[in-house]
Amino acid sequence: MPIVVQLDLMLARRKMRSRDLAAAVGITEVNISLLKSGKVKGVRFDTLERICEVLQCQPGDLLVHEPEAPVKTSTP
């Protein structure tokens, strides 16, 4: 997927545990874990806003666009 979640990196920078972030944001540790692993299809803006408030960061610090390499096709 071209959108990469870097929540684990921001947690490390802030020296915060997933458990503490989940409690501060008001979501489950399981949801934080799924978000960290990139196994979610989306995130609500209000959740993203609360995460950014707690971690004192911008959404761009958490979400990075890494486009997939184009598939090369041979031409005749």
Protein backbone atom coordinates (compact mmCIF):
# COMPACT_ATOMS: atom_id res chain seq x y z
CA MET A 1 0.00 0.00 0.00
CA PRO A 2 1.43 3.40 -0.89
CA ILE A 3 0.42 5.03 2.43
CA VAL A 4 2.75 4.01 5.25
CA VAL A 5 1.85 4.63 8.90
CA GLN A 6 4.83 5.68 11.01
CA LEU A 7 3.09 5.72 14.37
CA ASP A 8 5.69 3.45 15.96
CA LEU A 9 8.43 5.88 14.98
CA MET A 10 6.58 8.84 16.52
CA LEU A 11 5.85 6.85 19.69
CA ALA A 12 9.57 6.10 20.02
CA ARG A 13 10.47 9.76 19.50
CA ARG A 14 8.01 10.79 22.20
CA LYS A 15 9.08 7.92 24.49
CA MET A 16 5.46 6.86 24.81
CA ARG A 17 3.96 3.39 24.93
CA SER A 18 1.05 2.28 22.77
CA ARG A 19 -0.95 1.60 25.91
CA ASP A 20 -0.55 5.19 27.10
CA LEU A 21 -1.46 6.60 23.69
CA ALA A 22 -4.57 4.42 23.49
CA ALA A 23 -5.72 5.63 26.90
CA ALA A 24 -5.04 9.28 26.07
CA VAL A 25 -6.80 9.07 22.69
CA GLY A 26 -9.70 6.98 23.94
CA ILE A 27 -9.34 3.98 21.63
CA THR A 28 -8.33 0.39 22.29
CA GLU A 29 -4.78 -0.89 22.32
CA VAL A 30 -5.81 -3.31 19.59
CA ASN A 31 -6.78 -0.41 17.32
CA ILE A 32 -3.46 1.32 18.03
CA SER A 33 -1.65 -1.91 17.20
CA LEU A 34 -3.58 -2.31 13.93
CA LEU A 35 -2.82 1.27 13.01
CA LYS A 36 0.88 0.84 13.80
CA SER A 37 1.09 -2.26 11.64
CA GLY A 38 -0.72 -0.63 8.72
CA LYS A 39 -3.47 -3.23 8.75
CA VAL A 40 -6.26 -0.66 8.58
CA LYS A 41 -7.97 0.68 5.48
CA GLY A 42 -8.60 4.10 7.00
CA VAL A 43 -8.61 6.25 10.09
CA ARG A 44 -11.22 8.75 11.20
CA PHE A 45 -10.09 12.36 11.13
CA ASP A 46 -11.18 12.90 14.73
CA THR A 47 -9.02 9.93 15.82
CA LEU A 48 -6.08 11.24 13.79
CA GLU A 49 -6.61 14.66 15.33
CA ARG A 50 -6.52 13.26 18.88
CA ILE A 51 -3.40 11.22 18.13
CA CYS A 52 -1.69 14.32 16.77
CA GLU A 53 -2.73 16.35 19.83
CA VAL A 54 -1.34 13.76 22.23
CA LEU A 55 1.90 13.23 20.28
CA GLN A 56 2.22 16.94 19.45
CA CYS A 57 2.76 16.26 15.77
CA GLN A 58 1.22 16.80 12.35
CA PRO A 59 -0.64 14.14 10.31
CA GLY A 60 2.27 14.19 7.85
CA ASP A 61 4.55 13.01 10.65
CA LEU A 62 2.45 9.86 10.92
CA LEU A 63 1.39 9.17 7.34
CA VAL A 64 3.85 8.95 4.45
CA HIS A 65 3.06 8.36 0.78
CA GLU A 66 5.45 5.85 -0.79
CA PRO A 67 4.26 5.12 -4.33
CA GLU A 68 4.63 1.61 -5.59
CA ALA A 69 7.12 1.06 -8.36
CA PRO A 70 5.43 1.00 -11.77
CA VAL A 71 5.23 -2.35 -13.49
CA LYS A 72 7.55 -2.42 -16.47
CA THR A 73 6.16 -3.88 -19.63
CA SER A 74 8.19 -4.69 -22.67
CA THR A 75 7.21 -3.08 -25.93
CA PRO A 76 7.47 -5.00 -29.22
